[in-house]
N, C-alpha and C. Protein backbone atom coordinates (compact mmCIF):
# COMPACT_ATOMS: atom_id res chain seq x y z
N MET A 1 17.43 2.13 6.17
CA MET A 1 16.05 2.26 5.78
C MET A 1 15.96 3.19 4.57
N ILE A 2 15.11 2.83 3.63
CA ILE A 2 14.87 3.65 2.44
C ILE A 2 13.44 4.15 2.50
N PHE A 3 13.27 5.45 2.32
CA PHE A 3 11.97 6.09 2.30
C PHE A 3 11.87 6.85 0.99
N CYS A 4 10.80 6.59 0.23
CA CYS A 4 10.65 7.28 -1.05
C CYS A 4 9.18 7.63 -1.27
N ASN A 5 8.89 8.92 -1.33
CA ASN A 5 7.53 9.35 -1.66
C ASN A 5 7.36 9.20 -3.17
N LEU A 6 6.46 8.32 -3.57
CA LEU A 6 6.24 8.04 -4.99
C LEU A 6 5.23 8.99 -5.62
N GLY A 7 4.56 9.77 -4.81
CA GLY A 7 3.61 10.74 -5.32
C GLY A 7 2.62 11.13 -4.25
N SER A 8 2.22 12.39 -4.28
CA SER A 8 1.27 12.88 -3.29
C SER A 8 0.43 13.98 -3.92
N GLY A 9 -0.87 13.77 -3.92
CA GLY A 9 -1.77 14.76 -4.48
C GLY A 9 -3.13 14.17 -4.73
N SER A 10 -4.02 14.95 -5.29
CA SER A 10 -5.39 14.50 -5.50
C SER A 10 -5.50 13.38 -6.54
N LYS A 11 -4.47 13.19 -7.35
CA LYS A 11 -4.49 12.13 -8.37
C LYS A 11 -3.91 10.81 -7.86
N GLY A 12 -3.32 10.83 -6.67
CA GLY A 12 -2.79 9.60 -6.09
C GLY A 12 -1.73 9.85 -5.04
N ASN A 13 -1.63 8.90 -4.12
CA ASN A 13 -0.65 8.97 -3.04
C ASN A 13 -0.05 7.59 -2.82
N SER A 14 1.25 7.53 -2.63
CA SER A 14 1.91 6.29 -2.28
C SER A 14 3.32 6.59 -1.80
N THR A 15 3.71 5.89 -0.73
CA THR A 15 5.04 6.03 -0.17
C THR A 15 5.65 4.65 -0.01
N TYR A 16 6.90 4.52 -0.40
CA TYR A 16 7.66 3.26 -0.32
C TYR A 16 8.56 3.35 0.90
N LEU A 17 8.55 2.31 1.71
CA LEU A 17 9.38 2.26 2.90
C LEU A 17 10.04 0.89 2.94
N ARG A 18 11.37 0.87 3.00
CA ARG A 18 12.10 -0.40 2.99
C ARG A 18 13.04 -0.47 4.19
N GLY A 19 12.94 -1.58 4.90
CA GLY A 19 13.87 -1.90 5.97
C GLY A 19 14.69 -3.10 5.54
N GLU A 20 15.46 -3.67 6.46
CA GLU A 20 16.30 -4.81 6.12
C GLU A 20 15.48 -6.04 5.74
N GLY A 21 14.27 -6.17 6.28
CA GLY A 21 13.45 -7.36 6.04
C GLY A 21 12.52 -7.28 4.85
N GLY A 22 12.47 -6.15 4.18
CA GLY A 22 11.58 -6.01 3.03
C GLY A 22 10.97 -4.63 2.96
N ALA A 23 10.08 -4.46 2.00
CA ALA A 23 9.50 -3.15 1.73
C ALA A 23 7.98 -3.20 1.89
N ILE A 24 7.41 -2.05 2.23
CA ILE A 24 5.96 -1.89 2.27
C ILE A 24 5.60 -0.61 1.52
N LEU A 25 4.35 -0.54 1.10
CA LEU A 25 3.80 0.70 0.58
C LEU A 25 2.85 1.25 1.62
N ILE A 26 2.90 2.54 1.82
CA ILE A 26 1.89 3.22 2.62
C ILE A 26 0.99 3.90 1.60
N ASP A 27 -0.21 3.37 1.48
CA ASP A 27 -1.21 3.79 0.49
C ASP A 27 -0.78 3.38 -0.92
N GLN A 28 -1.77 3.27 -1.79
CA GLN A 28 -1.51 2.96 -3.20
C GLN A 28 -2.68 3.54 -3.99
N GLY A 29 -2.55 4.81 -4.33
CA GLY A 29 -3.62 5.51 -5.01
C GLY A 29 -3.43 5.67 -6.51
N PHE A 30 -2.46 4.97 -7.09
CA PHE A 30 -2.17 5.07 -8.51
C PHE A 30 -2.57 3.79 -9.24
N SER A 31 -2.69 3.88 -10.55
CA SER A 31 -2.88 2.66 -11.33
C SER A 31 -1.62 1.81 -11.19
N LEU A 32 -1.74 0.54 -11.47
CA LEU A 32 -0.58 -0.35 -11.38
C LEU A 32 0.53 0.12 -12.32
N LYS A 33 0.16 0.47 -13.54
CA LYS A 33 1.15 0.93 -14.52
C LYS A 33 1.85 2.20 -14.05
N ASN A 34 1.07 3.16 -13.56
CA ASN A 34 1.64 4.43 -13.12
C ASN A 34 2.58 4.22 -11.93
N LEU A 35 2.15 3.42 -10.96
CA LEU A 35 3.00 3.20 -9.78
C LEU A 35 4.27 2.45 -10.17
N THR A 36 4.15 1.45 -11.02
CA THR A 36 5.32 0.69 -11.46
C THR A 36 6.32 1.61 -12.16
N GLU A 37 5.84 2.51 -13.00
CA GLU A 37 6.72 3.47 -13.67
C GLU A 37 7.40 4.38 -12.65
N ARG A 38 6.64 4.86 -11.67
CA ARG A 38 7.21 5.72 -10.63
C ARG A 38 8.31 4.98 -9.85
N MET A 39 8.03 3.72 -9.55
CA MET A 39 9.02 2.92 -8.81
C MET A 39 10.27 2.70 -9.65
N GLN A 40 10.10 2.41 -10.93
CA GLN A 40 11.26 2.19 -11.81
C GLN A 40 12.11 3.45 -11.91
N LEU A 41 11.48 4.63 -11.98
CA LEU A 41 12.22 5.89 -12.03
C LEU A 41 13.06 6.09 -10.77
N ALA A 42 12.59 5.54 -9.65
CA ALA A 42 13.31 5.66 -8.38
C ALA A 42 14.21 4.44 -8.12
N ASN A 43 14.37 3.58 -9.12
CA ASN A 43 15.17 2.35 -8.99
C ASN A 43 14.67 1.44 -7.88
N LEU A 44 13.35 1.33 -7.76
CA LEU A 44 12.71 0.45 -6.78
C LEU A 44 11.97 -0.65 -7.52
N SER A 45 11.85 -1.80 -6.88
CA SER A 45 11.19 -2.94 -7.52
C SER A 45 9.86 -3.25 -6.84
N PRO A 46 8.77 -3.30 -7.60
CA PRO A 46 7.48 -3.67 -7.02
C PRO A 46 7.50 -5.06 -6.39
N GLU A 47 8.33 -5.95 -6.91
CA GLU A 47 8.42 -7.31 -6.38
C GLU A 47 8.95 -7.36 -4.96
N ASP A 48 9.62 -6.31 -4.50
CA ASP A 48 10.15 -6.27 -3.14
C ASP A 48 9.09 -5.92 -2.10
N VAL A 49 7.95 -5.41 -2.55
CA VAL A 49 6.90 -4.97 -1.62
C VAL A 49 6.19 -6.20 -1.06
N THR A 50 6.09 -6.27 0.27
CA THR A 50 5.48 -7.42 0.93
C THR A 50 4.14 -7.11 1.58
N ALA A 51 3.75 -5.83 1.61
CA ALA A 51 2.46 -5.45 2.20
C ALA A 51 2.14 -4.01 1.83
N ILE A 52 0.84 -3.68 1.93
CA ILE A 52 0.38 -2.30 1.78
C ILE A 52 -0.33 -1.93 3.08
N VAL A 53 0.00 -0.76 3.60
CA VAL A 53 -0.71 -0.21 4.76
C VAL A 53 -1.53 0.97 4.26
N VAL A 54 -2.83 0.92 4.49
CA VAL A 54 -3.73 1.99 4.04
C VAL A 54 -3.97 2.95 5.19
N SER A 55 -3.67 4.23 4.97
CA SER A 55 -3.83 5.23 6.03
C SER A 55 -5.29 5.59 6.26
N HIS A 56 -6.04 5.71 5.16
CA HIS A 56 -7.47 6.00 5.24
C HIS A 56 -8.09 5.74 3.87
N GLU A 57 -9.42 5.81 3.81
CA GLU A 57 -10.14 5.30 2.65
C GLU A 57 -10.37 6.29 1.51
N HIS A 58 -9.78 7.45 1.53
CA HIS A 58 -9.97 8.38 0.40
C HIS A 58 -9.44 7.73 -0.87
N PHE A 59 -10.17 7.96 -1.97
CA PHE A 59 -9.88 7.28 -3.23
C PHE A 59 -8.45 7.50 -3.71
N ASP A 60 -7.89 8.70 -3.47
CA ASP A 60 -6.53 8.97 -3.93
C ASP A 60 -5.48 8.21 -3.11
N HIS A 61 -5.91 7.49 -2.08
CA HIS A 61 -5.01 6.66 -1.28
C HIS A 61 -5.24 5.16 -1.51
N ILE A 62 -6.37 4.80 -2.14
CA ILE A 62 -6.72 3.37 -2.26
C ILE A 62 -7.00 2.88 -3.68
N LYS A 63 -7.02 3.78 -4.63
CA LYS A 63 -7.44 3.42 -5.99
C LYS A 63 -6.76 2.16 -6.52
N GLY A 64 -5.47 2.02 -6.31
CA GLY A 64 -4.73 0.89 -6.86
C GLY A 64 -4.40 -0.22 -5.88
N VAL A 65 -4.95 -0.16 -4.68
CA VAL A 65 -4.61 -1.14 -3.63
C VAL A 65 -4.91 -2.57 -4.07
N GLY A 66 -6.13 -2.81 -4.51
CA GLY A 66 -6.54 -4.18 -4.85
C GLY A 66 -5.75 -4.77 -6.00
N VAL A 67 -5.57 -3.99 -7.05
CA VAL A 67 -4.84 -4.49 -8.23
C VAL A 67 -3.40 -4.84 -7.85
N PHE A 68 -2.75 -3.95 -7.11
CA PHE A 68 -1.36 -4.20 -6.71
C PHE A 68 -1.27 -5.41 -5.79
N ALA A 69 -2.17 -5.48 -4.80
CA ALA A 69 -2.14 -6.58 -3.83
C ALA A 69 -2.40 -7.93 -4.52
N ARG A 70 -3.33 -7.95 -5.46
CA ARG A 70 -3.60 -9.20 -6.19
C ARG A 70 -2.42 -9.58 -7.08
N ARG A 71 -1.88 -8.60 -7.78
CA ARG A 71 -0.78 -8.87 -8.73
C ARG A 71 0.43 -9.46 -8.02
N PHE A 72 0.75 -8.90 -6.83
CA PHE A 72 1.95 -9.34 -6.12
C PHE A 72 1.64 -10.25 -4.92
N ARG A 73 0.37 -10.60 -4.78
CA ARG A 73 -0.09 -11.54 -3.73
C ARG A 73 0.40 -11.13 -2.35
N ILE A 74 0.06 -9.90 -1.98
CA ILE A 74 0.49 -9.37 -0.68
C ILE A 74 -0.73 -8.93 0.11
N PRO A 75 -0.61 -8.90 1.44
CA PRO A 75 -1.73 -8.46 2.27
C PRO A 75 -1.85 -6.94 2.32
N VAL A 76 -3.06 -6.51 2.70
CA VAL A 76 -3.35 -5.09 2.91
C VAL A 76 -3.73 -4.92 4.37
N PHE A 77 -3.10 -3.97 5.04
CA PHE A 77 -3.37 -3.66 6.43
C PHE A 77 -4.16 -2.36 6.50
N CYS A 78 -5.26 -2.36 7.25
CA CYS A 78 -6.06 -1.15 7.43
C CYS A 78 -6.91 -1.31 8.68
N THR A 79 -7.46 -0.20 9.16
CA THR A 79 -8.37 -0.30 10.30
C THR A 79 -9.68 -0.93 9.84
N GLU A 80 -10.43 -1.44 10.79
CA GLU A 80 -11.73 -2.04 10.47
C GLU A 80 -12.65 -1.00 9.83
N LEU A 81 -12.63 0.23 10.34
CA LEU A 81 -13.47 1.29 9.76
C LEU A 81 -13.09 1.57 8.31
N THR A 82 -11.80 1.63 8.03
CA THR A 82 -11.35 1.84 6.65
C THR A 82 -11.75 0.66 5.78
N HIS A 83 -11.59 -0.54 6.29
CA HIS A 83 -11.98 -1.74 5.53
C HIS A 83 -13.45 -1.68 5.15
N ARG A 84 -14.31 -1.30 6.08
CA ARG A 84 -15.75 -1.23 5.80
C ARG A 84 -16.09 -0.12 4.81
N ALA A 85 -15.27 0.93 4.76
CA ALA A 85 -15.56 2.07 3.89
C ALA A 85 -15.06 1.87 2.46
N ILE A 86 -14.13 0.95 2.26
CA ILE A 86 -13.58 0.72 0.92
C ILE A 86 -14.59 -0.07 0.09
N LEU A 87 -14.79 0.36 -1.14
CA LEU A 87 -15.70 -0.35 -2.04
C LEU A 87 -15.25 -1.80 -2.20
N PRO A 88 -16.15 -2.76 -1.99
CA PRO A 88 -15.75 -4.18 -2.05
C PRO A 88 -15.07 -4.57 -3.36
N GLU A 89 -15.49 -3.99 -4.48
CA GLU A 89 -14.88 -4.38 -5.76
C GLU A 89 -13.42 -3.95 -5.87
N LEU A 90 -12.99 -2.97 -5.07
CA LEU A 90 -11.59 -2.55 -5.10
C LEU A 90 -10.68 -3.57 -4.42
N ILE A 91 -11.23 -4.32 -3.48
CA ILE A 91 -10.38 -5.23 -2.71
C ILE A 91 -10.82 -6.69 -2.79
N GLN A 92 -11.56 -7.03 -3.84
CA GLN A 92 -11.96 -8.42 -4.04
C GLN A 92 -10.74 -9.32 -4.08
N LYS A 93 -10.84 -10.46 -3.43
CA LYS A 93 -9.79 -11.49 -3.43
C LYS A 93 -8.45 -10.96 -2.92
N VAL A 94 -8.51 -10.05 -1.95
CA VAL A 94 -7.31 -9.50 -1.33
C VAL A 94 -7.30 -9.91 0.14
N GLN A 95 -6.15 -10.32 0.63
CA GLN A 95 -6.01 -10.64 2.05
C GLN A 95 -5.97 -9.33 2.84
N ILE A 96 -6.97 -9.14 3.71
CA ILE A 96 -7.06 -7.94 4.53
C ILE A 96 -6.69 -8.28 5.96
N GLU A 97 -5.81 -7.49 6.54
CA GLU A 97 -5.43 -7.62 7.95
C GLU A 97 -5.85 -6.31 8.63
N THR A 98 -6.77 -6.40 9.58
CA THR A 98 -7.23 -5.17 10.24
C THR A 98 -6.50 -4.96 11.56
N PHE A 99 -6.44 -3.69 11.92
CA PHE A 99 -5.84 -3.30 13.20
C PHE A 99 -6.66 -2.15 13.75
N THR A 100 -6.43 -1.82 15.00
CA THR A 100 -7.13 -0.72 15.66
C THR A 100 -6.23 0.51 15.62
N ALA A 101 -6.82 1.67 15.38
CA ALA A 101 -6.06 2.92 15.39
C ALA A 101 -5.30 3.00 16.71
N GLY A 102 -4.03 3.32 16.64
CA GLY A 102 -3.18 3.39 17.82
C GLY A 102 -2.36 2.14 18.06
N ASP A 103 -2.71 1.03 17.40
CA ASP A 103 -1.92 -0.20 17.50
C ASP A 103 -0.53 0.04 16.92
N ILE A 104 0.43 -0.71 17.42
CA ILE A 104 1.77 -0.69 16.84
C ILE A 104 1.87 -1.87 15.89
N LEU A 105 2.09 -1.57 14.62
CA LEU A 105 2.24 -2.61 13.60
C LEU A 105 3.72 -2.93 13.42
N GLU A 106 3.99 -4.19 13.18
CA GLU A 106 5.34 -4.58 12.79
C GLU A 106 5.22 -5.47 11.57
N ILE A 107 5.72 -4.97 10.46
CA ILE A 107 5.69 -5.70 9.19
C ILE A 107 7.13 -5.80 8.72
N ASN A 108 7.60 -7.04 8.54
CA ASN A 108 9.02 -7.28 8.30
C ASN A 108 9.75 -6.74 9.52
N ASP A 109 10.70 -5.84 9.34
CA ASP A 109 11.37 -5.24 10.49
C ASP A 109 10.95 -3.77 10.63
N ILE A 110 9.88 -3.39 9.98
CA ILE A 110 9.40 -2.01 10.03
C ILE A 110 8.33 -1.92 11.10
N ARG A 111 8.52 -1.00 12.00
CA ARG A 111 7.60 -0.85 13.12
C ARG A 111 7.08 0.56 13.19
């Protein structure tokens, strides 16, 4: 398993997690360009990401979710409450998968 914190702070948050079956992002609070640059510096490929899991709706965790999800055609997982709190224009034309807090998610082989 590969774990890489791509950035954490008031300007953006994102963590890359890769198992044998693929990679996910936990949060995506950066612009697409900024996150792509961060990933390249860590020798990671945005094309390997198969989903984004949003921890909560603060802007520094969601700013780039929609752009990244649309660009790479991947789903976004979040709680129903988080989904309702996210500005609709940020996630237009994005596949949203909701779950309940406390649920066990399994995406690829990451649980």
